[in-house]
Amino acid sequence: MPTVLRVGAFRVLILFPPREHSPPHVHVVNADGVAVIYLAGHGRPQRTDRIEGMKSPDVRKAERIVRENAAWLLEKWGAIHGNQD
């Protein structure tokens, strides 16, 4: 699970195939847990799919980090997975 972005106490990860699946999403991790956030693009809004252990204020921070870096993260997803969807 490579870390593609670090912001403060948060790490943003993109898993490698074949363990990973579409649509494009990231795993945002901090000391308390993880949030899986689907990336906006191709007519899809950003949405948080799963939260494990992460506190609500941190989930909101994770969502903001992903939103602010969405275009770059979508590019990284494409570079790792060979597509953006």
PDB file of N, CA and C in Angstrom:
ATOM      1  N   MET A   1       0.842  -1.168   0.000  1.00  0.00           N
ATOM      2  CA  MET A   1       0.000   0.000   0.000  1.00  0.00           C
ATOM      3  C   MET A   1       0.895   1.240   0.000  1.00  0.00           C
ATOM      4  N   PRO A   2       1.140   1.826  -1.154  1.00  0.00           N
ATOM      5  CA  PRO A   2       2.025   2.978  -1.159  1.00  0.00           C
ATOM      6  C   PRO A   2       1.330   4.247  -0.669  1.00  0.00           C
ATOM      7  N   THR A   3       2.062   5.000   0.131  1.00  0.00           N
ATOM      8  CA  THR A   3       1.595   6.314   0.540  1.00  0.00           C
ATOM      9  C   THR A   3       1.882   7.264  -0.615  1.00  0.00           C
ATOM     10  N   VAL A   4       0.834   7.912  -1.139  1.00  0.00           N
ATOM     11  CA  VAL A   4       1.017   8.838  -2.252  1.00  0.00           C
ATOM     12  C   VAL A   4       0.981  10.295  -1.796  1.00  0.00           C
ATOM     13  N   LEU A   5       0.502  10.532  -0.559  1.00  0.00           N
ATOM     14  CA  LEU A   5       0.400  11.900  -0.055  1.00  0.00           C
ATOM     15  C   LEU A   5       0.396  11.865   1.465  1.00  0.00           C
ATOM     16  N   ARG A   6       1.098  12.817   2.070  1.00  0.00           N
ATOM     17  CA  ARG A   6       1.074  13.002   3.529  1.00  0.00           C
ATOM     18  C   ARG A   6       0.663  14.441   3.813  1.00  0.00           C
ATOM     19  N   VAL A   7      -0.300  14.586   4.717  1.00  0.00           N
ATOM     20  CA  VAL A   7      -0.728  15.909   5.160  1.00  0.00           C
ATOM     21  C   VAL A   7      -0.892  15.819   6.668  1.00  0.00           C
ATOM     22  N   GLY A   8       0.013  16.452   7.406  1.00  0.00           N
ATOM     23  CA  GLY A   8      -0.034  16.368   8.861  1.00  0.00           C
ATOM     24  C   GLY A   8       0.013  14.922   9.318  1.00  0.00           C
ATOM     25  N   ALA A   9      -0.959  14.537  10.134  1.00  0.00           N
ATOM     26  CA  ALA A   9      -1.018  13.175  10.675  1.00  0.00           C
ATOM     27  C   ALA A   9      -1.714  12.188   9.731  1.00  0.00           C
ATOM     28  N   PHE A  10      -2.057  12.624   8.526  1.00  0.00           N
ATOM     29  CA  PHE A  10      -2.798  11.777   7.588  1.00  0.00           C
ATOM     30  C   PHE A  10      -1.890  11.274   6.472  1.00  0.00           C
ATOM     31  N   ARG A  11      -2.082   9.999   6.125  1.00  0.00           N
ATOM     32  CA  ARG A  11      -1.433   9.402   4.962  1.00  0.00           C
ATOM     33  C   ARG A  11      -2.527   8.989   3.993  1.00  0.00           C
ATOM     34  N   VAL A  12      -2.332   9.275   2.713  1.00  0.00           N
ATOM     35  CA  VAL A  12      -3.287   8.884   1.676  1.00  0.00           C
ATOM     36  C   VAL A  12      -2.636   7.770   0.870  1.00  0.00           C
ATOM     37  N   LEU A  13      -3.327   6.629   0.792  1.00  0.00           N
ATOM     38  CA  LEU A  13      -2.789   5.429   0.162  1.00  0.00           C
ATOM     39  C   LEU A  13      -3.637   5.017  -1.037  1.00  0.00           C
ATOM     40  N   ILE A  14      -2.973   4.442  -2.036  1.00  0.00           N
ATOM     41  CA  ILE A  14      -3.659   3.798  -3.159  1.00  0.00           C
ATOM     42  C   ILE A  14      -3.092   2.384  -3.251  1.00  0.00           C
ATOM     43  N   LEU A  15      -3.948   1.407  -3.172  1.00  0.00           N
ATOM     44  CA  LEU A  15      -3.527   0.007  -3.262  1.00  0.00           C
ATOM     45  C   LEU A  15      -3.196  -0.365  -4.701  1.00  0.00           C
ATOM     46  N   PHE A  16      -2.338  -1.356  -4.869  1.00  0.00           N
ATOM     47  CA  PHE A  16      -1.983  -1.864  -6.186  1.00  0.00           C
ATOM     48  C   PHE A  16      -2.965  -2.946  -6.629  1.00  0.00           C
ATOM     49  N   PRO A  17      -3.147  -3.082  -7.957  1.00  0.00           N
ATOM     50  CA  PRO A  17      -3.910  -4.221  -8.459  1.00  0.00           C
ATOM     51  C   PRO A  17      -3.125  -5.497  -8.147  1.00  0.00           C
ATOM     52  N   PRO A  18      -3.714  -6.637  -8.049  1.00  0.00           N
ATOM     53  CA  PRO A  18      -5.129  -6.930  -8.287  1.00  0.00           C
ATOM     54  C   PRO A  18      -5.998  -6.779  -7.041  1.00  0.00           C
ATOM     55  N   ARG A  19      -5.408  -6.391  -5.916  1.00  0.00           N
ATOM     56  CA  ARG A  19      -6.209  -6.246  -4.676  1.00  0.00           C
ATOM     57  C   ARG A  19      -7.180  -5.083  -4.752  1.00  0.00           C
ATOM     58  N   GLU A  20      -6.884  -4.114  -5.583  1.00  0.00           N
ATOM     59  CA  GLU A  20      -7.695  -2.908  -5.665  1.00  0.00           C
ATOM     60  C   GLU A  20      -8.753  -3.027  -6.750  1.00  0.00           C
ATOM     61  N   HIS A  21      -9.696  -2.136  -6.716  1.00  0.00           N
ATOM     62  CA  HIS A  21     -10.846  -2.196  -7.622  1.00  0.00           C
ATOM     63  C   HIS A  21     -11.290  -0.788  -7.979  1.00  0.00           C
ATOM     64  N   SER A  22     -12.048  -0.680  -9.052  1.00  0.00           N
ATOM     65  CA  SER A  22     -12.676   0.585  -9.442  1.00  0.00           C
ATOM     66  C   SER A  22     -13.968   0.728  -8.672  1.00  0.00           C
ATOM     67  N   PRO A  23     -14.511   1.922  -8.581  1.00  0.00           N
ATOM     68  CA  PRO A  23     -14.030   3.190  -9.111  1.00  0.00           C
ATOM     69  C   PRO A  23     -12.868   3.730  -8.286  1.00  0.00           C
ATOM     70  N   PRO A  24     -12.162   4.729  -8.825  1.00  0.00           N
ATOM     71  CA  PRO A  24     -10.992   5.274  -8.140  1.00  0.00           C
ATOM     72  C   PRO A  24     -11.311   5.753  -6.718  1.00  0.00           C
ATOM     73  N   HIS A  25     -10.469   5.339  -5.797  1.00  0.00           N
ATOM     74  CA  HIS A  25     -10.644   5.736  -4.403  1.00  0.00           C
ATOM     75  C   HIS A  25      -9.308   5.660  -3.683  1.00  0.00           C
ATOM     76  N   VAL A  26      -9.271   6.251  -2.496  1.00  0.00           N
ATOM     77  CA  VAL A  26      -8.066   6.244  -1.678  1.00  0.00           C
ATOM     78  C   VAL A  26      -8.422   5.789  -0.269  1.00  0.00           C
ATOM     79  N   HIS A  27      -7.401   5.369   0.445  1.00  0.00           N
ATOM     80  CA  HIS A  27      -7.525   4.998   1.848  1.00  0.00           C
ATOM     81  C   HIS A  27      -6.774   6.073   2.625  1.00  0.00           C
ATOM     82  N   VAL A  28      -7.466   6.824   3.462  1.00  0.00           N
ATOM     83  CA  VAL A  28      -6.833   7.878   4.256  1.00  0.00           C
ATOM     84  C   VAL A  28      -6.690   7.340   5.675  1.00  0.00           C
ATOM     85  N   VAL A  29      -5.457   7.327   6.154  1.00  0.00           N
ATOM     86  CA  VAL A  29      -5.129   6.695   7.426  1.00  0.00           C
ATOM     87  C   VAL A  29      -4.554   7.733   8.389  1.00  0.00           C
ATOM     88  N   ASN A  30      -4.973   7.630   9.653  1.00  0.00           N
ATOM     89  CA  ASN A  30      -4.307   8.378  10.729  1.00  0.00           C
ATOM     90  C   ASN A  30      -4.112   7.405  11.885  1.00  0.00           C
ATOM     91  N   ALA A  31      -3.678   7.898  13.037  1.00  0.00           N
ATOM     92  CA  ALA A  31      -3.383   7.019  14.173  1.00  0.00           C
ATOM     93  C   ALA A  31      -4.603   6.269  14.685  1.00  0.00           C
ATOM     94  N   ASP A  32      -5.802   6.804  14.455  1.00  0.00           N
ATOM     95  CA  ASP A  32      -7.015   6.185  14.980  1.00  0.00           C
ATOM     96  C   ASP A  32      -7.688   5.201  14.041  1.00  0.00           C
ATOM     97  N   GLY A  33      -7.466   5.345  12.737  1.00  0.00           N
ATOM     98  CA  GLY A  33      -8.183   4.470  11.827  1.00  0.00           C
ATOM     99  C   GLY A  33      -8.012   4.843  10.373  1.00  0.00           C
ATOM    100  N   VAL A  34      -9.034   4.467   9.589  1.00  0.00           N
ATOM    101  CA  VAL A  34      -8.973   4.649   8.138  1.00  0.00           C
ATOM    102  C   VAL A  34     -10.341   5.062   7.614  1.00  0.00           C
ATOM    103  N   ALA A  35     -10.312   5.881   6.565  1.00  0.00           N
ATOM    104  CA  ALA A  35     -11.525   6.222   5.822  1.00  0.00           C
ATOM    105  C   ALA A  35     -11.253   5.933   4.351  1.00  0.00           C
ATOM    106  N   VAL A  36     -12.178   5.230   3.711  1.00  0.00           N
ATOM    107  CA  VAL A  36     -12.071   4.957   2.280  1.00  0.00           C
ATOM    108  C   VAL A  36     -12.942   5.990   1.574  1.00  0.00           C
ATOM    109  N   ILE A  37     -12.304   6.758   0.696  1.00  0.00           N
ATOM    110  CA  ILE A  37     -12.996   7.864   0.039  1.00  0.00           C
ATOM    111  C   ILE A  37     -12.892   7.700  -1.466  1.00  0.00           C
ATOM    112  N   TYR A  38     -14.054   7.643  -2.128  1.00  0.00           N
ATOM    113  CA  TYR A  38     -14.114   7.558  -3.589  1.00  0.00           C
ATOM    114  C   TYR A  38     -13.869   8.938  -4.165  1.00  0.00           C
ATOM    115  N   LEU A  39     -13.045   8.989  -5.218  1.00  0.00           N
ATOM    116  CA  LEU A  39     -12.668  10.254  -5.836  1.00  0.00           C
ATOM    117  C   LEU A  39     -13.755  10.752  -6.774  1.00  0.00           C
ATOM    118  N   ALA A  40     -13.944  12.067  -6.769  1.00  0.00           N
ATOM    119  CA  ALA A  40     -14.874  12.689  -7.709  1.00  0.00           C
ATOM    120  C   ALA A  40     -14.272  12.605  -9.107  1.00  0.00           C
ATOM    121  N   GLY A  41     -15.145  12.451 -10.087  1.00  0.00           N
ATOM    122  CA  GLY A  41     -14.685  12.434 -11.473  1.00  0.00           C
ATOM    123  C   GLY A  41     -15.626  11.650 -12.345  1.00  0.00           C
ATOM    124  N   HIS A  42     -15.617  11.970 -13.632  1.00  0.00           N
ATOM    125  CA  HIS A  42     -16.469  11.274 -14.601  1.00  0.00           C
ATOM    126  C   HIS A  42     -17.931  11.296 -14.162  1.00  0.00           C
ATOM    127  N   GLY A  43     -18.371  12.438 -13.649  1.00  0.00           N
ATOM    128  CA  GLY A  43     -19.765  12.588 -13.238  1.00  0.00           C
ATOM    129  C   GLY A  43     -20.091  12.041 -11.856  1.00  0.00           C
ATOM    130  N   ARG A  44     -19.094  11.522 -11.152  1.00  0.00           N
ATOM    131  CA  ARG A  44     -19.319  10.987  -9.801  1.00  0.00           C
ATOM    132  C   ARG A  44     -18.900  12.009  -8.763  1.00  0.00           C
ATOM    133  N   PRO A  45     -19.697  12.184  -7.714  1.00  0.00           N
ATOM    134  CA  PRO A  45     -19.262  13.054  -6.619  1.00  0.00           C
ATOM    135  C   PRO A  45     -18.294  12.304  -5.702  1.00  0.00           C
ATOM    136  N   GLN A  46     -17.502  13.047  -4.949  1.00  0.00           N
ATOM    137  CA  GLN A  46     -16.680  12.422  -3.912  1.00  0.00           C
ATOM    138  C   GLN A  46     -17.615  11.868  -2.858  1.00  0.00           C
ATOM    139  N   ARG A  47     -17.289  10.683  -2.332  1.00  0.00           N
ATOM    140  CA  ARG A  47     -18.088  10.144  -1.236  1.00  0.00           C
ATOM    141  C   ARG A  47     -17.225   9.256  -0.358  1.00  0.00           C
ATOM    142  N   THR A  48     -17.550   9.259   0.912  1.00  0.00           N
ATOM    143  CA  THR A  48     -16.845   8.411   1.869  1.00  0.00           C
ATOM    144  C   THR A  48     -17.595   7.100   1.959  1.00  0.00           C
ATOM    145  N   ASP A  49     -16.884   6.018   1.719  1.00  0.00           N
ATOM    146  CA  ASP A  49     -17.512   4.703   1.648  1.00  0.00           C
ATOM    147  C   ASP A  49     -17.462   3.946   2.972  1.00  0.00           C
ATOM    148  N   ARG A  50     -16.327   4.007   3.641  1.00  0.00           N
ATOM    149  CA  ARG A  50     -16.158   3.201   4.852  1.00  0.00           C
ATOM    150  C   ARG A  50     -15.267   3.948   5.834  1.00  0.00           C
ATOM    151  N   ILE A  51     -15.626   3.868   7.092  1.00  0.00           N
ATOM    152  CA  ILE A  51     -14.836   4.491   8.155  1.00  0.00           C
ATOM    153  C   ILE A  51     -14.588   3.426   9.216  1.00  0.00           C
ATOM    154  N   GLU A  52     -13.337   3.251   9.583  1.00  0.00           N
ATOM    155  CA  GLU A  52     -12.983   2.286  10.633  1.00  0.00           C
ATOM    156  C   GLU A  52     -12.124   2.983  11.673  1.00  0.00           C
ATOM    157  N   GLY A  53     -12.717   3.320  12.815  1.00  0.00           N
ATOM    158  CA  GLY A  53     -11.974   3.868  13.941  1.00  0.00           C
ATOM    159  C   GLY A  53     -11.689   5.354  13.900  1.00  0.00           C
ATOM    160  N   MET A  54     -11.736   5.975  12.743  1.00  0.00           N
ATOM    161  CA  MET A  54     -11.411   7.396  12.636  1.00  0.00           C
ATOM    162  C   MET A  54     -12.536   8.243  13.223  1.00  0.00           C
ATOM    163  N   LYS A  55     -12.163   9.234  14.019  1.00  0.00           N
ATOM    164  CA  LYS A  55     -13.147  10.122  14.650  1.00  0.00           C
ATOM    165  C   LYS A  55     -13.761  11.075  13.626  1.00  0.00           C
ATOM    166  N   SER A  56     -15.001  11.495  13.872  1.00  0.00           N
ATOM    167  CA  SER A  56     -15.745  12.349  12.927  1.00  0.00           C
ATOM    168  C   SER A  56     -14.984  13.599  12.496  1.00  0.00           C
ATOM    169  N   PRO A  57     -14.361  14.359  13.414  1.00  0.00           N
ATOM    170  CA  PRO A  57     -13.620  15.543  12.957  1.00  0.00           C
ATOM    171  C   PRO A  57     -12.476  15.176  12.007  1.00  0.00           C
ATOM    172  N   ASP A  58     -11.849  14.032  12.262  1.00  0.00           N
ATOM    173  CA  ASP A  58     -10.761  13.587  11.390  1.00  0.00           C
ATOM    174  C   ASP A  58     -11.287  13.101  10.043  1.00  0.00           C
ATOM    175  N   VAL A  59     -12.461  12.510  10.030  1.00  0.00           N
ATOM    176  CA  VAL A  59     -13.067  12.107   8.755  1.00  0.00           C
ATOM    177  C   VAL A  59     -13.294  13.350   7.901  1.00  0.00           C
ATOM    178  N   ARG A  60     -13.802  14.410   8.500  1.00  0.00           N
ATOM    179  CA  ARG A  60     -14.025  15.653   7.751  1.00  0.00           C
ATOM    180  C   ARG A  60     -12.703  16.216   7.223  1.00  0.00           C
ATOM    181  N   LYS A  61     -11.630  16.132   8.026  1.00  0.00           N
ATOM    182  CA  LYS A  61     -10.315  16.585   7.561  1.00  0.00           C
ATOM    183  C   LYS A  61      -9.832  15.717   6.402  1.00  0.00           C
ATOM    184  N   ALA A  62     -10.023  14.411   6.516  1.00  0.00           N
ATOM    185  CA  ALA A  62      -9.624  13.492   5.454  1.00  0.00           C
ATOM    186  C   ALA A  62     -10.382  13.805   4.161  1.00  0.00           C
ATOM    187  N   GLU A  63     -11.675  14.054   4.284  1.00  0.00           N
ATOM    188  CA  GLU A  63     -12.486  14.398   3.105  1.00  0.00           C
ATOM    189  C   GLU A  63     -11.992  15.693   2.472  1.00  0.00           C
ATOM    190  N   ARG A  64     -11.612  16.660   3.290  1.00  0.00           N
ATOM    191  CA  ARG A  64     -11.094  17.928   2.770  1.00  0.00           C
ATOM    192  C   ARG A  64      -9.760  17.719   2.055  1.00  0.00           C
ATOM    193  N   ILE A  65      -8.889  16.907   2.640  1.00  0.00           N
ATOM    194  CA  ILE A  65      -7.587  16.617   2.013  1.00  0.00           C
ATOM    195  C   ILE A  65      -7.809  16.000   0.640  1.00  0.00           C
ATOM    196  N   VAL A  66      -8.716  15.048   0.558  1.00  0.00           N
ATOM    197  CA  VAL A  66      -8.986  14.384  -0.719  1.00  0.00           C
ATOM    198  C   VAL A  66      -9.596  15.375  -1.710  1.00  0.00           C
ATOM    199  N   ARG A  67     -10.548  16.168  -1.269  1.00  0.00           N
ATOM    200  CA  ARG A  67     -11.195  17.153  -2.150  1.00  0.00           C
ATOM    201  C   ARG A  67     -10.160  18.138  -2.704  1.00  0.00           C
ATOM    202  N   GLU A  68      -9.273  18.633  -1.845  1.00  0.00           N
ATOM    203  CA  GLU A  68      -8.275  19.622  -2.258  1.00  0.00           C
ATOM    204  C   GLU A  68      -7.216  19.041  -3.197  1.00  0.00           C
ATOM    205  N   ASN A  69      -7.058  17.732  -3.186  1.00  0.00           N
ATOM    206  CA  ASN A  69      -6.031  17.074  -4.003  1.00  0.00           C
ATOM    207  C   ASN A  69      -6.628  16.108  -5.017  1.00  0.00           C
ATOM    208  N   ALA A  70      -7.920  16.235  -5.285  1.00  0.00           N
ATOM    209  CA  ALA A  70      -8.657  15.251  -6.093  1.00  0.00           C
ATOM    210  C   ALA A  70      -8.061  15.048  -7.482  1.00  0.00           C
ATOM    211  N   ALA A  71      -7.755  16.120  -8.197  1.00  0.00           N
ATOM    212  CA  ALA A  71      -7.240  15.971  -9.564  1.00  0.00           C
ATOM    213  C   ALA A  71      -5.914  15.219  -9.556  1.00  0.00           C
ATOM    214  N   TRP A  72      -5.034  15.586  -8.646  1.00  0.00           N
ATOM    215  CA  TRP A  72      -3.734  14.921  -8.552  1.00  0.00           C
ATOM    216  C   TRP A  72      -3.895  13.451  -8.152  1.00  0.00           C
ATOM    217  N   LEU A  73      -4.785  13.174  -7.182  1.00  0.00           N
ATOM    218  CA  LEU A  73      -5.009  11.789  -6.750  1.00  0.00           C
ATOM    219  C   LEU A  73      -5.599  10.948  -7.875  1.00  0.00           C
ATOM    220  N   LEU A  74      -6.470  11.533  -8.680  1.00  0.00           N
ATOM    221  CA  LEU A  74      -7.037  10.809  -9.820  1.00  0.00           C
ATOM    222  C   LEU A  74      -5.942  10.485 -10.839  1.00  0.00           C
ATOM    223  N   GLU A  75      -5.018  11.406 -11.034  1.00  0.00           N
ATOM    224  CA  GLU A  75      -3.874  11.140 -11.915  1.00  0.00           C
ATOM    225  C   GLU A  75      -3.025   9.995 -11.374  1.00  0.00           C
ATOM    226  N   LYS A  76      -2.769  10.011 -10.051  1.00  0.00           N
ATOM    227  CA  LYS A  76      -1.980   8.941  -9.427  1.00  0.00           C
ATOM    228  C   LYS A  76      -2.681   7.599  -9.580  1.00  0.00           C
ATOM    229  N   TRP A  77      -4.012   7.590  -9.368  1.00  0.00           N
ATOM    230  CA  TRP A  77      -4.789   6.352  -9.540  1.00  0.00           C
ATOM    231  C   TRP A  77      -4.570   5.819 -10.958  1.00  0.00           C
ATOM    232  N   GLY A  78      -4.693   6.705 -11.947  1.00  0.00           N
ATOM    233  CA  GLY A  78      -4.512   6.299 -13.337  1.00  0.00           C
ATOM    234  C   GLY A  78      -3.123   5.768 -13.616  1.00  0.00           C
ATOM    235  N   ALA A  79      -2.105   6.405 -13.017  1.00  0.00           N
ATOM    236  CA  ALA A  79      -0.730   5.940 -13.216  1.00  0.00           C
ATOM    237  C   ALA A  79      -0.511   4.550 -12.630  1.00  0.00           C
ATOM    238  N   ILE A  80      -1.142   4.274 -11.506  1.00  0.00           N
ATOM    239  CA  ILE A  80      -0.986   2.973 -10.841  1.00  0.00           C
ATOM    240  C   ILE A  80      -1.856   1.910 -11.496  1.00  0.00           C
ATOM    241  N   HIS A  81      -3.069   2.272 -11.900  1.00  0.00           N
ATOM    242  CA  HIS A  81      -4.035   1.298 -12.392  1.00  0.00           C
ATOM    243  C   HIS A  81      -4.196   1.292 -13.910  1.00  0.00           C
ATOM    244  N   GLY A  82      -3.526   2.218 -14.593  1.00  0.00           N
ATOM    245  CA  GLY A  82      -3.588   2.228 -16.048  1.00  0.00           C
ATOM    246  C   GLY A  82      -4.870   2.830 -16.606  1.00  0.00           C
ATOM    247  N   ASN A  83      -5.695   3.379 -15.738  1.00  0.00           N
ATOM    248  CA  ASN A  83      -6.910   4.072 -16.180  1.00  0.00           C
ATOM    249  C   ASN A  83      -7.369   4.973 -15.052  1.00  0.00           C
ATOM    250  N   GLN A  84      -8.430   5.716 -15.296  1.00  0.00           N
ATOM    251  CA  GLN A  84      -8.965   6.588 -14.255  1.00  0.00           C
ATOM    252  C   GLN A  84     -10.376   6.193 -13.870  1.00  0.00           C
ATOM    253  N   ASP A  85     -10.806   5.042 -14.266  1.00  0.00           N
ATOM    254  CA  ASP A  85     -12.138   4.579 -13.884  1.00  0.00           C
ATOM    255  C   ASP A  85     -12.024   3.133 -13.625  1.00  0.00           C
TER     256      ASP A  85
END
